[in-house]
Each structure stands twice: as C-alpha cells, then as structure tokens.
Protein backbone atom coordinates (compact mmCIF):
# COMPACT_ATOMS: atom_id res chain seq x y z
CA UNK A 1 -51.68 -148.15 -114.53
CA UNK A 2 -50.35 -149.38 -118.00
CA UNK A 3 -50.12 -152.94 -117.50
CA UNK A 4 -48.03 -155.11 -120.09
CA UNK A 5 -48.34 -159.05 -120.78
CA UNK A 6 -44.88 -160.76 -119.50
CA UNK A 7 -44.13 -161.78 -123.53
CA UNK A 8 -45.18 -158.24 -125.03
CA UNK A 9 -42.36 -155.89 -125.06
CA UNK A 10 -41.54 -153.12 -126.87
CA UNK A 11 -38.15 -151.03 -127.84
CA UNK A 12 -37.56 -148.85 -124.48
CA UNK A 13 -39.44 -151.31 -122.87
CA UNK A 14 -38.60 -151.58 -118.95
CA UNK A 15 -41.05 -154.58 -117.51
CA UNK A 16 -41.87 -154.04 -113.69
CA UNK A 17 -42.48 -156.67 -111.56
CA UNK A 18 -43.26 -155.89 -108.00
CA UNK A 19 -42.48 -158.19 -105.13
CA UNK A 20 -44.44 -157.70 -101.87
CA UNK A 21 -44.15 -159.22 -98.29
CA UNK A 22 -46.08 -159.12 -95.15
CA UNK A 23 -45.60 -162.30 -92.56
CA UNK A 24 -47.57 -161.43 -90.06
CA UNK A 25 -49.41 -159.16 -87.97
CA UNK A 26 -52.48 -158.65 -85.67
CA UNK A 27 -55.01 -160.17 -88.20
CA UNK A 28 -55.88 -161.22 -91.45
CA UNK A 29 -56.80 -157.71 -92.00
CA UNK A 30 -53.47 -156.01 -91.24
CA UNK A 31 -51.39 -158.46 -93.71
CA UNK A 32 -53.82 -157.85 -95.97
CA UNK A 33 -53.73 -153.54 -95.88
CA UNK A 34 -50.31 -153.79 -95.38
CA UNK A 35 -50.09 -155.95 -98.74
CA UNK A 36 -52.39 -153.22 -100.64
CA UNK A 37 -50.08 -150.51 -99.36
CA UNK A 38 -46.89 -151.90 -100.93
CA UNK A 39 -48.92 -152.38 -104.09
CA UNK A 40 -50.13 -149.11 -104.39
CA UNK A 41 -46.51 -147.58 -103.69
CA UNK A 42 -44.15 -149.55 -106.07
CA UNK A 43 -47.32 -148.99 -108.69
CA UNK A 44 -47.08 -145.14 -108.62
CA UNK A 45 -43.23 -145.48 -108.49
CA UNK A 46 -43.50 -146.94 -111.66
CA UNK A 47 -46.54 -144.69 -113.02
CA UNK A 48 -43.80 -141.96 -112.45
CA UNK A 49 -41.12 -143.63 -114.81
CA UNK A 50 -44.06 -144.65 -117.56
CA UNK A 51 -42.26 -141.55 -119.98
CA UNK A 52 -38.77 -143.19 -119.61
CA UNK A 53 -40.63 -146.83 -120.68
CA UNK A 54 -41.79 -148.70 -117.62
CA UNK A 55 -44.64 -150.06 -117.19
CA UNK A 56 -45.81 -153.30 -113.92
CA UNK A 57 -46.16 -156.23 -115.07
CA UNK A 58 -49.73 -157.85 -114.62
CA UNK A 59 -48.74 -160.77 -112.85
CA UNK A 60 -49.21 -160.64 -108.69
CA UNK A 61 -45.75 -161.83 -106.81
CA UNK A 62 -47.51 -162.06 -103.41
CA UNK A 63 -46.15 -163.31 -100.25
CA UNK A 64 -49.30 -163.34 -98.02
CA UNK A 65 -47.83 -164.75 -94.46
CA UNK A 66 -43.94 -165.63 -94.91
CA UNK A 67 -41.86 -164.79 -93.67
CA UNK A 68 -38.36 -163.26 -95.03
CA UNK A 69 -35.64 -165.59 -93.34
CA UNK A 70 -36.06 -168.42 -95.64
CA UNK A 71 -36.01 -168.14 -100.39
CA UNK A 72 -38.87 -170.86 -100.20
CA UNK A 73 -41.60 -168.61 -100.87
CA UNK A 74 -44.55 -169.20 -103.78
CA UNK A 75 -44.29 -165.64 -105.56
CA UNK A 76 -40.17 -165.53 -104.53
CA UNK A 77 -40.00 -168.25 -106.21
CA UNK A 78 -42.36 -167.65 -109.46
CA UNK A 79 -40.36 -164.15 -109.61
CA UNK A 80 -37.34 -165.54 -109.90
CA UNK A 81 -38.22 -168.15 -112.10
CA UNK A 82 -39.76 -165.01 -114.38
CA UNK A 83 -36.28 -163.07 -114.39
CA UNK A 84 -34.48 -166.23 -115.56
CA UNK A 85 -37.09 -166.94 -118.57
CA UNK A 86 -36.51 -163.06 -119.06
CA UNK A 87 -39.74 -162.21 -118.42
CA UNK A 88 -38.43 -159.26 -116.31
CA UNK A 89 -36.77 -156.30 -116.33
CA UNK A 90 -36.90 -154.57 -113.36
CA UNK A 91 -37.45 -155.91 -109.64
CA UNK A 92 -39.16 -153.38 -107.41
CA UNK A 93 -39.86 -154.06 -103.85
CA UNK A 94 -41.04 -151.74 -101.25
CA UNK A 95 -38.42 -152.22 -98.67
CA UNK A 96 -35.77 -154.35 -99.01
CA UNK A 97 -36.48 -156.23 -96.26
CA UNK A 98 -39.27 -157.34 -98.14
CA UNK A 99 -37.12 -159.30 -100.32
CA UNK A 100 -35.36 -161.01 -97.91
CA UNK A 101 -33.82 -160.59 -94.62
CA UNK A 102 -30.83 -162.97 -94.53
CA UNK A 103 -27.45 -161.31 -96.33
CA UNK A 104 -26.46 -164.35 -98.21
CA UNK A 105 -29.67 -164.53 -99.39
CA UNK A 106 -29.94 -160.86 -100.69
CA UNK A 107 -26.27 -161.42 -102.16
CA UNK A 108 -27.24 -164.14 -104.01
CA UNK A 109 -30.25 -162.80 -105.10
CA UNK A 110 -29.10 -159.12 -105.99
CA UNK A 111 -26.25 -161.11 -107.91
CA UNK A 112 -28.23 -162.81 -109.92
CA UNK A 113 -30.64 -160.34 -110.89
CA UNK A 114 -27.61 -158.53 -112.47
CA UNK A 115 -26.62 -161.72 -114.43
CA UNK A 116 -29.93 -161.55 -115.98
CA UNK A 117 -29.42 -157.89 -116.79
CA UNK A 118 -32.73 -157.30 -114.25
CA UNK A 119 -33.30 -153.94 -112.28
CA UNK A 120 -33.90 -153.95 -108.25
CA UNK A 121 -35.77 -150.75 -107.49
CA UNK A 122 -36.03 -150.40 -103.39
CA UNK A 123 -38.09 -147.78 -103.47
CA UNK A 124 -38.35 -146.69 -99.95
CA UNK A 125 -34.46 -146.89 -99.76
CA UNK A 126 -32.92 -144.82 -102.87
CA UNK A 127 -29.60 -146.20 -101.57
CA UNK A 128 -30.51 -149.34 -102.17
CA UNK A 129 -31.05 -149.34 -106.32
CA UNK A 130 -29.28 -150.65 -109.31
CA UNK A 131 -30.61 -149.92 -112.98
CA UNK A 132 -29.35 -151.43 -116.10
CA UNK A 133 -29.65 -149.64 -119.06
CA UNK A 134 -29.43 -152.55 -121.94
CA UNK A 135 -29.45 -150.46 -124.74
CA UNK A 136 -26.28 -149.10 -124.00
CA UNK A 137 -25.33 -151.59 -121.83
CA UNK A 138 -24.74 -149.71 -119.28
CA UNK A 139 -25.18 -150.49 -115.05
CA UNK A 140 -26.05 -147.67 -112.95
CA UNK A 141 -25.33 -148.28 -109.54
CA UNK A 142 -26.40 -145.96 -106.49
CA UNK A 143 -25.19 -147.87 -103.95
CA UNK A 144 -21.58 -149.51 -103.19
CA UNK A 145 -22.00 -154.03 -102.05
CA UNK A 146 -20.39 -153.14 -98.94
CA UNK A 147 -23.65 -151.22 -97.85
CA UNK A 148 -25.73 -153.62 -99.00
CA UNK A 149 -24.19 -156.45 -97.18
CA UNK A 150 -24.47 -154.07 -93.97
CA UNK A 151 -28.26 -152.80 -94.95
CA UNK A 152 -28.88 -156.68 -95.47
CA UNK A 153 -27.04 -157.66 -92.45
CA UNK A 154 -29.16 -155.00 -90.15
CA UNK A 155 -32.48 -156.40 -91.88
CA UNK A 156 -31.49 -159.84 -90.52
CA UNK A 157 -30.68 -158.10 -87.13
CA UNK A 158 -33.75 -155.89 -86.76
CA UNK A 159 -36.98 -157.28 -88.25
C-alpha cells in the first residue's frame, strides 16, 4: 500500500486517515486481532481507490481498550487535531460505531469534518459516507442527516 507523509501532498491526492477502536473482549489477543482486521479492511478500501489518488497516511489512529461513548480517547483527539491542521482529507472507519456511539458526538464530529472539507467513509456501511471533491467544490452525500441521526441513536442503544 502506498503510504504518504502528512505534509507531502500532490495535486489530486486524498490523504486518508484510518481510525480504529476496540473497547473490550475476552482478552488482549482478541482486541489486537479486531484492530488488525479493522485496519486491514480499511487499507484494502483505500487501496481500491488508489487510481483516484487515495493514499493511506502512515500515522496510526488506534484506540485500544477505549469505550465509544466518550470522545476522550488519545488517538481520536490526535486525529481531530490533524483534521483541524489540514493534514487529513478523508477519515475512514470500519463501522460508524468505531468513531462514536453517542448521537451528539457523532453529529458534531461530522459537522467539524465538513467544515474542514474532510470526507468520511464507513466501509461496512456504504449508506454512511460523504465525499468532498475539493477541486470542484462539490460535496457528494450518500446519506441524509436524518438517517445518520437515527443510526447514531441505534449505535448508542445496541452496542
């Protein structure tokens, strides 16, 4: 997989940050296996879009053993800081509930991504994606805010 530093950007390149999280399991081995599988799946998705200029950033945004009902997670904080600094063009997650399980946090996070021109992809839930074509100034939503709100609510009710 092509990896690119966060500071080096070629025209037409979409710098993709993978965020993964696993709260608990039957042990450390299960948590590590889940994190590896999430990363592998997200990398494969990005690799499938390499011809469109998508590259995987080398910075790992992995929260091991962190609950999804709080935004107080080290890797998530680092990711959101990098988004605000303009180092990320797209956030890729395995499933929406890896990002957060709280509807309010989810809505605020998506709004912040939009404000910074950053796309969002949930690879296992194609309905929950938006891609911003910066060169054209176009936002391609494949979801509505209402559906996203309903899904975020379900994430908090059914972990």
